[in-house]
Amino acid sequence: VQLQASGGGLVQAGGSLRLSCTASIRSFGRYYMGWFRQAPGKVREFVAAISWIGGSTYYADSVKGCCTISRDIAKNTLFLQMNSLKPEDTAVYYCALDRSNRLSTSINEYDTWGQGTQVTVSS
């Protein structure tokens, strides 16, 4: 399985970006996919996750209200729509796959990671 993330870039504060992550996988089980981010000098942190089959979503408190995670099952693609971006949202964003069949916010539960896409928000 490979994950390919894209959609990052430079945006002004208050702007929007839509990240994508395409999974090269034959079929999904009752998996979860998530987004994490890592700012310079900080640990990687959970952003959001989605149940691939059921579509249930879960967000970190820091992004509730400004971000929406979704997926296109037919295209094996995960999305993260980010609105009202702030400079503190600047980070490398990673998509990840969790095949444990349960929701987790821990990086240790995610077994496959994309290469990351840089998001930079200028003030």
PDB file of N, CA and C in Angstrom:
ATOM      1  N   VAL A   1       0.851  -1.193   0.000  1.00  0.00           N
ATOM      2  CA  VAL A   1       0.000   0.000   0.000  1.00  0.00           C
ATOM      3  C   VAL A   1       0.885   1.241   0.000  1.00  0.00           C
ATOM      4  N   GLN A   2       0.526   2.192  -0.838  1.00  0.00           N
ATOM      5  CA  GLN A   2       1.224   3.480  -0.858  1.00  0.00           C
ATOM      6  C   GLN A   2       0.210   4.601  -0.766  1.00  0.00           C
ATOM      7  N   LEU A   3       0.611   5.653  -0.075  1.00  0.00           N
ATOM      8  CA  LEU A   3      -0.226   6.835   0.064  1.00  0.00           C
ATOM      9  C   LEU A   3       0.504   8.014  -0.550  1.00  0.00           C
ATOM     10  N   GLN A   4      -0.181   8.764  -1.366  1.00  0.00           N
ATOM     11  CA  GLN A   4       0.409   9.912  -2.042  1.00  0.00           C
ATOM     12  C   GLN A   4      -0.376  11.155  -1.686  1.00  0.00           C
ATOM     13  N   ALA A   5       0.246  12.037  -0.913  1.00  0.00           N
ATOM     14  CA  ALA A   5      -0.409  13.272  -0.484  1.00  0.00           C
ATOM     15  C   ALA A   5      -0.056  14.420  -1.409  1.00  0.00           C
ATOM     16  N   SER A   6      -0.989  15.343  -1.555  1.00  0.00           N
ATOM     17  CA  SER A   6      -0.770  16.520  -2.384  1.00  0.00           C
ATOM     18  C   SER A   6      -1.703  17.640  -1.932  1.00  0.00           C
ATOM     19  N   GLY A   7      -1.495  18.818  -2.510  1.00  0.00           N
ATOM     20  CA  GLY A   7      -2.406  19.918  -2.254  1.00  0.00           C
ATOM     21  C   GLY A   7      -1.881  21.000  -1.334  1.00  0.00           C
ATOM     22  N   GLY A   8      -0.706  20.792  -0.753  1.00  0.00           N
ATOM     23  CA  GLY A   8      -0.154  21.810   0.113  1.00  0.00           C
ATOM     24  C   GLY A   8       0.326  23.015  -0.687  1.00  0.00           C
ATOM     25  N   GLY A   9       0.720  24.040   0.033  1.00  0.00           N
ATOM     26  CA  GLY A   9       1.204  25.241  -0.638  1.00  0.00           C
ATOM     27  C   GLY A   9       1.303  26.397   0.319  1.00  0.00           C
ATOM     28  N   LEU A  10       1.521  27.568  -0.261  1.00  0.00           N
ATOM     29  CA  LEU A  10       1.622  28.804   0.511  1.00  0.00           C
ATOM     30  C   LEU A  10       0.309  29.567   0.384  1.00  0.00           C
ATOM     31  N   VAL A  11      -0.233  29.962   1.507  1.00  0.00           N
ATOM     32  CA  VAL A  11      -1.509  30.661   1.513  1.00  0.00           C
ATOM     33  C   VAL A  11      -1.472  31.744   2.594  1.00  0.00           C
ATOM     34  N   GLN A  12      -2.207  32.796   2.369  1.00  0.00           N
ATOM     35  CA  GLN A  12      -2.284  33.856   3.370  1.00  0.00           C
ATOM     36  C   GLN A  12      -3.240  33.465   4.488  1.00  0.00           C
ATOM     37  N   ALA A  13      -3.029  34.053   5.633  1.00  0.00           N
ATOM     38  CA  ALA A  13      -3.921  33.807   6.754  1.00  0.00           C
ATOM     39  C   ALA A  13      -5.361  34.113   6.340  1.00  0.00           C
ATOM     40  N   GLY A  14      -6.261  33.232   6.748  1.00  0.00           N
ATOM     41  CA  GLY A  14      -7.659  33.362   6.362  1.00  0.00           C
ATOM     42  C   GLY A  14      -8.015  32.606   5.098  1.00  0.00           C
ATOM     43  N   GLY A  15      -7.004  32.124   4.410  1.00  0.00           N
ATOM     44  CA  GLY A  15      -7.235  31.400   3.165  1.00  0.00           C
ATOM     45  C   GLY A  15      -7.594  29.939   3.392  1.00  0.00           C
ATOM     46  N   SER A  16      -7.721  29.223   2.282  1.00  0.00           N
ATOM     47  CA  SER A  16      -8.152  27.823   2.320  1.00  0.00           C
ATOM     48  C   SER A  16      -7.226  26.957   1.475  1.00  0.00           C
ATOM     49  N   LEU A  17      -7.159  25.699   1.854  1.00  0.00           N
ATOM     50  CA  LEU A  17      -6.463  24.696   1.064  1.00  0.00           C
ATOM     51  C   LEU A  17      -7.214  23.386   1.168  1.00  0.00           C
ATOM     52  N   ARG A  18      -7.098  22.589   0.136  1.00  0.00           N
ATOM     53  CA  ARG A  18      -7.684  21.253   0.161  1.00  0.00           C
ATOM     54  C   ARG A  18      -6.585  20.240  -0.117  1.00  0.00           C
ATOM     55  N   LEU A  19      -6.297  19.438   0.884  1.00  0.00           N
ATOM     56  CA  LEU A  19      -5.294  18.400   0.742  1.00  0.00           C
ATOM     57  C   LEU A  19      -5.943  17.118   0.239  1.00  0.00           C
ATOM     58  N   SER A  20      -5.189  16.381  -0.550  1.00  0.00           N
ATOM     59  CA  SER A  20      -5.661  15.100  -1.057  1.00  0.00           C
ATOM     60  C   SER A  20      -4.644  14.013  -0.744  1.00  0.00           C
ATOM     61  N   CYS A  21      -5.131  12.794  -0.653  1.00  0.00           N
ATOM     62  CA  CYS A  21      -4.250  11.653  -0.413  1.00  0.00           C
ATOM     63  C   CYS A  21      -4.850  10.453  -1.122  1.00  0.00           C
ATOM     64  N   THR A  22      -4.131   9.965  -2.116  1.00  0.00           N
ATOM     65  CA  THR A  22      -4.616   8.831  -2.886  1.00  0.00           C
ATOM     66  C   THR A  22      -3.916   7.564  -2.420  1.00  0.00           C
ATOM     67  N   ALA A  23      -4.724   6.539  -2.177  1.00  0.00           N
ATOM     68  CA  ALA A  23      -4.199   5.273  -1.685  1.00  0.00           C
ATOM     69  C   ALA A  23      -4.172   4.240  -2.802  1.00  0.00           C
ATOM     70  N   SER A  24      -3.026   3.641  -2.985  1.00  0.00           N
ATOM     71  CA  SER A  24      -2.921   2.551  -3.949  1.00  0.00           C
ATOM     72  C   SER A  24      -3.165   1.249  -3.185  1.00  0.00           C
ATOM     73  N   ILE A  25      -4.420   0.891  -3.075  1.00  0.00           N
ATOM     74  CA  ILE A  25      -4.830  -0.283  -2.313  1.00  0.00           C
ATOM     75  C   ILE A  25      -5.957  -0.953  -3.066  1.00  0.00           C
ATOM     76  N   ARG A  26      -5.971  -2.276  -3.076  1.00  0.00           N
ATOM     77  CA  ARG A  26      -6.985  -2.997  -3.856  1.00  0.00           C
ATOM     78  C   ARG A  26      -8.363  -2.840  -3.236  1.00  0.00           C
ATOM     79  N   SER A  27      -8.445  -2.958  -1.936  1.00  0.00           N
ATOM     80  CA  SER A  27      -9.741  -2.818  -1.287  1.00  0.00           C
ATOM     81  C   SER A  27      -9.533  -2.406   0.162  1.00  0.00           C
ATOM     82  N   PHE A  28     -10.484  -1.639   0.641  1.00  0.00           N
ATOM     83  CA  PHE A  28     -10.446  -1.198   2.026  1.00  0.00           C
ATOM     84  C   PHE A  28     -11.292  -2.114   2.898  1.00  0.00           C
ATOM     85  N   GLY A  29     -10.775  -2.449   4.035  1.00  0.00           N
ATOM     86  CA  GLY A  29     -11.575  -3.117   5.043  1.00  0.00           C
ATOM     87  C   GLY A  29     -12.189  -2.045   5.928  1.00  0.00           C
ATOM     88  N   ARG A  30     -12.497  -2.407   7.139  1.00  0.00           N
ATOM     89  CA  ARG A  30     -13.053  -1.419   8.084  1.00  0.00           C
ATOM     90  C   ARG A  30     -11.907  -0.590   8.664  1.00  0.00           C
ATOM     91  N   TYR A  31     -11.226   0.108   7.750  1.00  0.00           N
ATOM     92  CA  TYR A  31     -10.046   0.869   8.123  1.00  0.00           C
ATOM     93  C   TYR A  31     -10.414   2.305   8.458  1.00  0.00           C
ATOM     94  N   TYR A  32      -9.433   2.959   9.066  1.00  0.00           N
ATOM     95  CA  TYR A  32      -9.543   4.390   9.274  1.00  0.00           C
ATOM     96  C   TYR A  32      -8.395   5.056   8.522  1.00  0.00           C
ATOM     97  N   MET A  33      -8.647   6.243   8.064  1.00  0.00           N
ATOM     98  CA  MET A  33      -7.567   7.062   7.511  1.00  0.00           C
ATOM     99  C   MET A  33      -7.556   8.386   8.250  1.00  0.00           C
ATOM    100  N   GLY A  34      -6.361   8.913   8.393  1.00  0.00           N
ATOM    101  CA  GLY A  34      -6.242  10.137   9.164  1.00  0.00           C
ATOM    102  C   GLY A  34      -5.256  11.114   8.571  1.00  0.00           C
ATOM    103  N   TRP A  35      -5.326  12.308   9.088  1.00  0.00           N
ATOM    104  CA  TRP A  35      -4.366  13.360   8.778  1.00  0.00           C
ATOM    105  C   TRP A  35      -3.639  13.744  10.067  1.00  0.00           C
ATOM    106  N   PHE A  36      -2.351  13.904   9.938  1.00  0.00           N
ATOM    107  CA  PHE A  36      -1.517  14.386  11.028  1.00  0.00           C
ATOM    108  C   PHE A  36      -0.708  15.562  10.496  1.00  0.00           C
ATOM    109  N   ARG A  37      -0.127  16.319  11.395  1.00  0.00           N
ATOM    110  CA  ARG A  37       0.749  17.408  10.963  1.00  0.00           C
ATOM    111  C   ARG A  37       1.922  17.544  11.919  1.00  0.00           C
ATOM    112  N   GLN A  38       3.007  18.049  11.364  1.00  0.00           N
ATOM    113  CA  GLN A  38       4.202  18.248  12.158  1.00  0.00           C
ATOM    114  C   GLN A  38       4.803  19.602  11.831  1.00  0.00           C
ATOM    115  N   ALA A  39       4.775  20.484  12.813  1.00  0.00           N
ATOM    116  CA  ALA A  39       5.364  21.805  12.666  1.00  0.00           C
ATOM    117  C   ALA A  39       6.849  21.723  13.019  1.00  0.00           C
ATOM    118  N   PRO A  40       7.639  22.665  12.538  1.00  0.00           N
ATOM    119  CA  PRO A  40       9.077  22.655  12.832  1.00  0.00           C
ATOM    120  C   PRO A  40       9.352  22.623  14.331  1.00  0.00           C
ATOM    121  N   GLY A  41      10.162  21.673  14.758  1.00  0.00           N
ATOM    122  CA  GLY A  41      10.536  21.577  16.155  1.00  0.00           C
ATOM    123  C   GLY A  41       9.488  20.969  17.058  1.00  0.00           C
ATOM    124  N   LYS A  42       8.400  20.490  16.478  1.00  0.00           N
ATOM    125  CA  LYS A  42       7.315  19.924  17.298  1.00  0.00           C
ATOM    126  C   LYS A  42       7.057  18.476  16.914  1.00  0.00           C
ATOM    127  N   VAL A  43       6.364  17.778  17.795  1.00  0.00           N
ATOM    128  CA  VAL A  43       6.021  16.393  17.499  1.00  0.00           C
ATOM    129  C   VAL A  43       4.861  16.349  16.521  1.00  0.00           C
ATOM    130  N   ARG A  44       4.752  15.218  15.855  1.00  0.00           N
ATOM    131  CA  ARG A  44       3.649  15.020  14.926  1.00  0.00           C
ATOM    132  C   ARG A  44       2.361  14.878  15.729  1.00  0.00           C
ATOM    133  N   GLU A  45       1.329  15.591  15.297  1.00  0.00           N
ATOM    134  CA  GLU A  45       0.078  15.579  16.042  1.00  0.00           C
ATOM    135  C   GLU A  45      -1.098  15.200  15.152  1.00  0.00           C
ATOM    136  N   PHE A  46      -2.079  14.609  15.809  1.00  0.00           N
ATOM    137  CA  PHE A  46      -3.293  14.191  15.130  1.00  0.00           C
ATOM    138  C   PHE A  46      -4.122  15.411  14.714  1.00  0.00           C
ATOM    139  N   VAL A  47      -4.710  15.326  13.521  1.00  0.00           N
ATOM    140  CA  VAL A  47      -5.586  16.390  13.027  1.00  0.00           C
ATOM    141  C   VAL A  47      -7.024  15.883  12.897  1.00  0.00           C
ATOM    142  N   ALA A  48      -7.206  14.812  12.140  1.00  0.00           N
ATOM    143  CA  ALA A  48      -8.554  14.303  11.901  1.00  0.00           C
ATOM    144  C   ALA A  48      -8.469  12.876  11.385  1.00  0.00           C
ATOM    145  N   ALA A  49      -9.578  12.143  11.545  1.00  0.00           N
ATOM    146  CA  ALA A  49      -9.649  10.774  11.044  1.00  0.00           C
ATOM    147  C   ALA A  49     -11.055  10.488  10.552  1.00  0.00           C
ATOM    148  N   ILE A  50     -11.144   9.491   9.675  1.00  0.00           N
ATOM    149  CA  ILE A  50     -12.432   9.105   9.122  1.00  0.00           C
ATOM    150  C   ILE A  50     -12.494   7.598   8.968  1.00  0.00           C
ATOM    151  N   SER A  51     -13.632   7.053   9.283  1.00  0.00           N
ATOM    152  CA  SER A  51     -13.890   5.645   9.032  1.00  0.00           C
ATOM    153  C   SER A  51     -14.149   5.475   7.541  1.00  0.00           C
ATOM    154  N   TRP A  52     -13.365   4.641   6.897  1.00  0.00           N
ATOM    155  CA  TRP A  52     -13.473   4.579   5.442  1.00  0.00           C
ATOM    156  C   TRP A  52     -14.824   4.049   4.970  1.00  0.00           C
ATOM    157  N   ILE A  53     -15.356   3.047   5.634  1.00  0.00           N
ATOM    158  CA  ILE A  53     -16.625   2.460   5.209  1.00  0.00           C
ATOM    159  C   ILE A  53     -17.808   3.290   5.718  1.00  0.00           C
ATOM    160  N   GLY A  54     -17.835   3.592   6.996  1.00  0.00           N
ATOM    161  CA  GLY A  54     -18.983   4.271   7.583  1.00  0.00           C
ATOM    162  C   GLY A  54     -18.978   5.775   7.439  1.00  0.00           C
ATOM    163  N   GLY A  55     -17.799   6.349   7.278  1.00  0.00           N
ATOM    164  CA  GLY A  55     -17.717   7.789   7.111  1.00  0.00           C
ATOM    165  C   GLY A  55     -17.729   8.589   8.401  1.00  0.00           C
ATOM    166  N   SER A  56     -17.660   7.921   9.539  1.00  0.00           N
ATOM    167  CA  SER A  56     -17.615   8.662  10.804  1.00  0.00           C
ATOM    168  C   SER A  56     -16.321   9.453  10.883  1.00  0.00           C
ATOM    169  N   THR A  57     -16.420  10.654  11.437  1.00  0.00           N
ATOM    170  CA  THR A  57     -15.256  11.531  11.502  1.00  0.00           C
ATOM    171  C   THR A  57     -14.926  11.932  12.931  1.00  0.00           C
ATOM    172  N   TYR A  58     -13.681  12.304  13.126  1.00  0.00           N
ATOM    173  CA  TYR A  58     -13.216  12.732  14.443  1.00  0.00           C
ATOM    174  C   TYR A  58     -12.129  13.761  14.222  1.00  0.00           C
ATOM    175  N   TYR A  59     -12.158  14.827  15.038  1.00  0.00           N
ATOM    176  CA  TYR A  59     -11.224  15.935  14.858  1.00  0.00           C
ATOM    177  C   TYR A  59     -10.510  16.273  16.161  1.00  0.00           C
ATOM    178  N   ALA A  60      -9.289  16.736  16.004  1.00  0.00           N
ATOM    179  CA  ALA A  60      -8.596  17.319  17.144  1.00  0.00           C
ATOM    180  C   ALA A  60      -9.292  18.627  17.501  1.00  0.00           C
ATOM    181  N   ASP A  61      -9.284  18.974  18.754  1.00  0.00           N
ATOM    182  CA  ASP A  61      -9.957  20.197  19.193  1.00  0.00           C
ATOM    183  C   ASP A  61      -9.413  21.419  18.471  1.00  0.00           C
ATOM    184  N   SER A  62      -8.140  21.388  18.137  1.00  0.00           N
ATOM    185  CA  SER A  62      -7.493  22.557  17.527  1.00  0.00           C
ATOM    186  C   SER A  62      -7.991  22.861  16.126  1.00  0.00           C
ATOM    187  N   VAL A  63      -8.641  21.908  15.477  1.00  0.00           N
ATOM    188  CA  VAL A  63      -9.090  22.135  14.102  1.00  0.00           C
ATOM    189  C   VAL A  63     -10.602  22.035  13.936  1.00  0.00           C
ATOM    190  N   LYS A  64     -11.311  21.796  15.016  1.00  0.00           N
ATOM    191  CA  LYS A  64     -12.769  21.715  14.910  1.00  0.00           C
ATOM    192  C   LYS A  64     -13.323  23.039  14.420  1.00  0.00           C
ATOM    193  N   GLY A  65     -14.175  22.953  13.432  1.00  0.00           N
ATOM    194  CA  GLY A  65     -14.810  24.146  12.891  1.00  0.00           C
ATOM    195  C   GLY A  65     -14.123  24.725  11.676  1.00  0.00           C
ATOM    196  N   CYS A  66     -12.880  24.373  11.470  1.00  0.00           N
ATOM    197  CA  CYS A  66     -12.163  24.949  10.323  1.00  0.00           C
ATOM    198  C   CYS A  66     -11.727  23.915   9.317  1.00  0.00           C
ATOM    199  N   CYS A  67     -11.803  22.641   9.694  1.00  0.00           N
ATOM    200  CA  CYS A  67     -11.339  21.608   8.802  1.00  0.00           C
ATOM    201  C   CYS A  67     -12.413  20.538   8.634  1.00  0.00           C
ATOM    202  N   THR A  68     -12.418  19.954   7.460  1.00  0.00           N
ATOM    203  CA  THR A  68     -13.359  18.878   7.170  1.00  0.00           C
ATOM    204  C   THR A  68     -12.624  17.746   6.485  1.00  0.00           C
ATOM    205  N   ILE A  69     -12.711  16.560   7.077  1.00  0.00           N
ATOM    206  CA  ILE A  69     -12.122  15.378   6.463  1.00  0.00           C
ATOM    207  C   ILE A  69     -13.217  14.627   5.712  1.00  0.00           C
ATOM    208  N   SER A  70     -12.870  14.131   4.534  1.00  0.00           N
ATOM    209  CA  SER A  70     -13.831  13.382   3.735  1.00  0.00           C
ATOM    210  C   SER A  70     -13.080  12.394   2.871  1.00  0.00           C
ATOM    211  N   ARG A  71     -13.833  11.533   2.184  1.00  0.00           N
ATOM    212  CA  ARG A  71     -13.172  10.579   1.291  1.00  0.00           C
ATOM    213  C   ARG A  71     -14.054  10.289   0.099  1.00  0.00           C
ATOM    214  N   ASP A  72     -13.395   9.910  -0.981  1.00  0.00           N
ATOM    215  CA  ASP A  72     -14.067   9.466  -2.201  1.00  0.00           C
ATOM    216  C   ASP A  72     -13.744   7.985  -2.334  1.00  0.00           C
ATOM    217  N   ILE A  73     -14.712   7.166  -2.006  1.00  0.00           N
ATOM    218  CA  ILE A  73     -14.468   5.730  -1.977  1.00  0.00           C
ATOM    219  C   ILE A  73     -14.105   5.201  -3.363  1.00  0.00           C
ATOM    220  N   ALA A  74     -14.780   5.690  -4.367  1.00  0.00           N
ATOM    221  CA  ALA A  74     -14.544   5.188  -5.725  1.00  0.00           C
ATOM    222  C   ALA A  74     -13.130   5.484  -6.198  1.00  0.00           C
ATOM    223  N   LYS A  75     -12.563   6.580  -5.709  1.00  0.00           N
ATOM    224  CA  LYS A  75     -11.230   6.988  -6.148  1.00  0.00           C
ATOM    225  C   LYS A  75     -10.156   6.700  -5.114  1.00  0.00           C
ATOM    226  N   ASN A  76     -10.536   6.027  -4.023  1.00  0.00           N
ATOM    227  CA  ASN A  76      -9.560   5.726  -2.963  1.00  0.00           C
ATOM    228  C   ASN A  76      -8.795   6.967  -2.534  1.00  0.00           C
ATOM    229  N   THR A  77      -9.495   8.066  -2.396  1.00  0.00           N
ATOM    230  CA  THR A  77      -8.858   9.346  -2.097  1.00  0.00           C
ATOM    231  C   THR A  77      -9.436   9.970  -0.841  1.00  0.00           C
ATOM    232  N   LEU A  78      -8.532  10.428  -0.019  1.00  0.00           N
ATOM    233  CA  LEU A  78      -8.857  11.103   1.229  1.00  0.00           C
ATOM    234  C   LEU A  78      -8.633  12.597   1.044  1.00  0.00           C
ATOM    235  N   PHE A  79      -9.471  13.405   1.693  1.00  0.00           N
ATOM    236  CA  PHE A  79      -9.345  14.856   1.585  1.00  0.00           C
ATOM    237  C   PHE A  79      -9.302  15.502   2.968  1.00  0.00           C
ATOM    238  N   LEU A  80      -8.697  16.674   2.990  1.00  0.00           N
ATOM    239  CA  LEU A  80      -8.786  17.532   4.166  1.00  0.00           C
ATOM    240  C   LEU A  80      -8.997  18.953   3.668  1.00  0.00           C
ATOM    241  N   GLN A  81     -10.183  19.464   3.864  1.00  0.00           N
ATOM    242  CA  GLN A  81     -10.494  20.843   3.504  1.00  0.00           C
ATOM    243  C   GLN A  81     -10.188  21.718   4.712  1.00  0.00           C
ATOM    244  N   MET A  82      -9.322  22.685   4.503  1.00  0.00           N
ATOM    245  CA  MET A  82      -8.921  23.570   5.594  1.00  0.00           C
ATOM    246  C   MET A  82      -9.292  25.001   5.237  1.00  0.00           C
ATOM    247  N   ASN A  83     -10.077  25.616   6.090  1.00  0.00           N
ATOM    248  CA  ASN A  83     -10.519  26.989   5.900  1.00  0.00           C
ATOM    249  C   ASN A  83     -10.020  27.872   7.038  1.00  0.00           C
ATOM    250  N   SER A  84     -10.053  29.149   6.815  1.00  0.00           N
ATOM    251  CA  SER A  84      -9.656  30.122   7.844  1.00  0.00           C
ATOM    252  C   SER A  84      -8.295  29.777   8.432  1.00  0.00           C
ATOM    253  N   LEU A  85      -7.360  29.505   7.559  1.00  0.00           N
ATOM    254  CA  LEU A  85      -6.038  29.067   8.005  1.00  0.00           C
ATOM    255  C   LEU A  85      -5.314  30.165   8.771  1.00  0.00           C
ATOM    256  N   LYS A  86      -4.523  29.729   9.742  1.00  0.00           N
ATOM    257  CA  LYS A  86      -3.747  30.631  10.584  1.00  0.00           C
ATOM    258  C   LYS A  86      -2.265  30.283  10.462  1.00  0.00           C
ATOM    259  N   PRO A  87      -1.397  31.218  10.772  1.00  0.00           N
ATOM    260  CA  PRO A  87       0.042  30.901  10.709  1.00  0.00           C
ATOM    261  C   PRO A  87       0.426  29.673  11.539  1.00  0.00           C
ATOM    262  N   GLU A  88      -0.266  29.455  12.640  1.00  0.00           N
ATOM    263  CA  GLU A  88       0.047  28.288  13.468  1.00  0.00           C
ATOM    264  C   GLU A  88      -0.361  26.965  12.844  1.00  0.00           C
ATOM    265  N   ASP A  89      -1.057  27.026  11.712  1.00  0.00           N
ATOM    266  CA  ASP A  89      -1.385  25.810  10.966  1.00  0.00           C
ATOM    267  C   ASP A  89      -0.236  25.391  10.056  1.00  0.00           C
ATOM    268  N   THR A  90       0.800  26.191   9.982  1.00  0.00           N
ATOM    269  CA  THR A  90       1.954  25.862   9.158  1.00  0.00           C
ATOM    270  C   THR A  90       2.612  24.583   9.655  1.00  0.00           C
ATOM    271  N   ALA A  91       2.743  23.620   8.757  1.00  0.00           N
ATOM    272  CA  ALA A  91       3.290  22.314   9.118  1.00  0.00           C
ATOM    273  C   ALA A  91       3.379  21.454   7.868  1.00  0.00           C
ATOM    274  N   VAL A  92       4.043  20.325   8.008  1.00  0.00           N
ATOM    275  CA  VAL A  92       3.958  19.281   6.993  1.00  0.00           C
ATOM    276  C   VAL A  92       2.779  18.393   7.386  1.00  0.00           C
ATOM    277  N   TYR A  93       1.888  18.193   6.446  1.00  0.00           N
ATOM    278  CA  TYR A  93       0.691  17.400   6.698  1.00  0.00           C
ATOM    279  C   TYR A  93       0.866  16.011   6.090  1.00  0.00           C
ATOM    280  N   TYR A  94       0.553  15.005   6.898  1.00  0.00           N
ATOM    281  CA  TYR A  94       0.704  13.620   6.481  1.00  0.00           C
ATOM    282  C   TYR A  94      -0.638  12.907   6.517  1.00  0.00           C
ATOM    283  N   CYS A  95      -0.879  12.079   5.518  1.00  0.00           N
ATOM    284  CA  CYS A  95      -2.015  11.186   5.582  1.00  0.00           C
ATOM    285  C   CYS A  95      -1.509   9.811   6.022  1.00  0.00           C
ATOM    286  N   ALA A  96      -2.390   9.048   6.638  1.00  0.00           N
ATOM    287  CA  ALA A  96      -1.982   7.768   7.179  1.00  0.00           C
ATOM    288  C   ALA A  96      -3.148   6.799   7.210  1.00  0.00           C
ATOM    289  N   LEU A  97      -2.811   5.516   7.192  1.00  0.00           N
ATOM    290  CA  LEU A  97      -3.806   4.439   7.165  1.00  0.00           C
ATOM    291  C   LEU A  97      -3.686   3.607   8.447  1.00  0.00           C
ATOM    292  N   ASP A  98      -4.830   3.358   9.047  1.00  0.00           N
ATOM    293  CA  ASP A  98      -4.892   2.551  10.267  1.00  0.00           C
ATOM    294  C   ASP A  98      -5.754   1.326   9.980  1.00  0.00           C
ATOM    295  N   ARG A  99      -5.148   0.149   9.992  1.00  0.00           N
ATOM    296  CA  ARG A  99      -5.887  -1.079   9.685  1.00  0.00           C
ATOM    297  C   ARG A  99      -6.296  -1.847  10.935  1.00  0.00           C
ATOM    298  N   SER A 100      -6.344  -1.155  12.045  1.00  0.00           N
ATOM    299  CA  SER A 100      -6.711  -1.819  13.294  1.00  0.00           C
ATOM    300  C   SER A 100      -8.210  -1.914  13.495  1.00  0.00           C
ATOM    301  N   ASN A 101      -8.999  -1.340  12.576  1.00  0.00           N
ATOM    302  CA  ASN A 101     -10.457  -1.393  12.647  1.00  0.00           C
ATOM    303  C   ASN A 101     -11.045  -0.609  13.818  1.00  0.00           C
ATOM    304  N   ARG A 102     -10.278   0.304  14.373  1.00  0.00           N
ATOM    305  CA  ARG A 102     -10.824   1.157  15.420  1.00  0.00           C
ATOM    306  C   ARG A 102     -10.178   2.536  15.313  1.00  0.00           C
ATOM    307  N   LEU A 103     -10.929   3.519  15.737  1.00  0.00           N
ATOM    308  CA  LEU A 103     -10.436   4.884  15.665  1.00  0.00           C
ATOM    309  C   LEU A 103      -9.290   5.098  16.633  1.00  0.00           C
ATOM    310  N   SER A 104      -8.266   5.771  16.155  1.00  0.00           N
ATOM    311  CA  SER A 104      -7.163   6.117  17.038  1.00  0.00           C
ATOM    312  C   SER A 104      -6.596   7.469  16.651  1.00  0.00           C
ATOM    313  N   THR A 105      -6.143   8.198  17.647  1.00  0.00           N
ATOM    314  CA  THR A 105      -5.469   9.465  17.398  1.00  0.00           C
ATOM    315  C   THR A 105      -3.968   9.328  17.582  1.00  0.00           C
ATOM    316  N   SER A 106      -3.507   8.125  17.849  1.00  0.00           N
ATOM    317  CA  SER A 106      -2.093   7.871  18.107  1.00  0.00           C
ATOM    318  C   SER A 106      -1.359   7.505  16.829  1.00  0.00           C
ATOM    319  N   ILE A 107      -0.205   8.119  16.623  1.00  0.00           N
ATOM    320  CA  ILE A 107       0.562   7.799  15.422  1.00  0.00           C
ATOM    321  C   ILE A 107       0.995   6.338  15.427  1.00  0.00           C
ATOM    322  N   ASN A 108       1.077   5.737  16.578  1.00  0.00           N
ATOM    323  CA  ASN A 108       1.545   4.354  16.668  1.00  0.00           C
ATOM    324  C   ASN A 108       0.564   3.349  16.072  1.00  0.00           C
ATOM    325  N   GLU A 109      -0.690   3.744  15.929  1.00  0.00           N
ATOM    326  CA  GLU A 109      -1.705   2.839  15.402  1.00  0.00           C
ATOM    327  C   GLU A 109      -1.786   2.880  13.874  1.00  0.00           C
ATOM    328  N   TYR A 110      -1.159   3.852  13.285  1.00  0.00           N
ATOM    329  CA  TYR A 110      -1.216   4.016  11.825  1.00  0.00           C
ATOM    330  C   TYR A 110       0.002   3.334  11.213  1.00  0.00           C
ATOM    331  N   ASP A 111      -0.247   2.383  10.305  1.00  0.00           N
ATOM    332  CA  ASP A 111       0.844   1.557   9.818  1.00  0.00           C
ATOM    333  C   ASP A 111       1.412   1.988   8.475  1.00  0.00           C
ATOM    334  N   THR A 112       0.709   2.866   7.781  1.00  0.00           N
ATOM    335  CA  THR A 112       1.187   3.322   6.477  1.00  0.00           C
ATOM    336  C   THR A 112       1.046   4.826   6.401  1.00  0.00           C
ATOM    337  N   TRP A 113       2.104   5.489   5.897  1.00  0.00           N
ATOM    338  CA  TRP A 113       2.133   6.949   5.870  1.00  0.00           C
ATOM    339  C   TRP A 113       2.459   7.462   4.481  1.00  0.00           C
ATOM    340  N   GLY A 114       1.850   8.570   4.145  1.00  0.00           N
ATOM    341  CA  GLY A 114       2.219   9.276   2.932  1.00  0.00           C
ATOM    342  C   GLY A 114       3.476  10.084   3.165  1.00  0.00           C
ATOM    343  N   GLN A 115       3.960  10.726   2.122  1.00  0.00           N
ATOM    344  CA  GLN A 115       5.240  11.422   2.204  1.00  0.00           C
ATOM    345  C   GLN A 115       5.143  12.812   2.801  1.00  0.00           C
ATOM    346  N   GLY A 116       3.944  13.315   2.989  1.00  0.00           N
ATOM    347  CA  GLY A 116       3.768  14.642   3.568  1.00  0.00           C
ATOM    348  C   GLY A 116       3.681  15.722   2.509  1.00  0.00           C
ATOM    349  N   THR A 117       2.908  16.734   2.826  1.00  0.00           N
ATOM    350  CA  THR A 117       2.788  17.889   1.942  1.00  0.00           C
ATOM    351  C   THR A 117       2.869  19.148   2.805  1.00  0.00           C
ATOM    352  N   GLN A 118       3.667  20.097   2.357  1.00  0.00           N
ATOM    353  CA  GLN A 118       3.943  21.292   3.158  1.00  0.00           C
ATOM    354  C   GLN A 118       2.821  22.311   3.028  1.00  0.00           C
ATOM    355  N   VAL A 119       2.342  22.773   4.154  1.00  0.00           N
ATOM    356  CA  VAL A 119       1.377  23.868   4.208  1.00  0.00           C
ATOM    357  C   VAL A 119       2.032  25.031   4.945  1.00  0.00           C
ATOM    358  N   THR A 120       2.085  26.178   4.287  1.00  0.00           N
ATOM    359  CA  THR A 120       2.664  27.358   4.899  1.00  0.00           C
ATOM    360  C   THR A 120       1.644  28.481   4.852  1.00  0.00           C
ATOM    361  N   VAL A 121       1.342  29.025   6.024  1.00  0.00           N
ATOM    362  CA  VAL A 121       0.359  30.102   6.126  1.00  0.00           C
ATOM    363  C   VAL A 121       1.087  31.370   6.552  1.00  0.00           C
ATOM    364  N   SER A 122       1.023  32.359   5.708  1.00  0.00           N
ATOM    365  CA  SER A 122       1.697  33.620   6.009  1.00  0.00           C
ATOM    366  C   SER A 122       0.740  34.586   6.705  1.00  0.00           C
ATOM    367  N   SER A 123       1.313  35.415   7.555  1.00  0.00           N
ATOM    368  CA  SER A 123       0.483  36.365   8.309  1.00  0.00           C
ATOM    369  C   SER A 123       0.298  37.674   7.555  1.00  0.00           C
TER     370      SER A 123
END
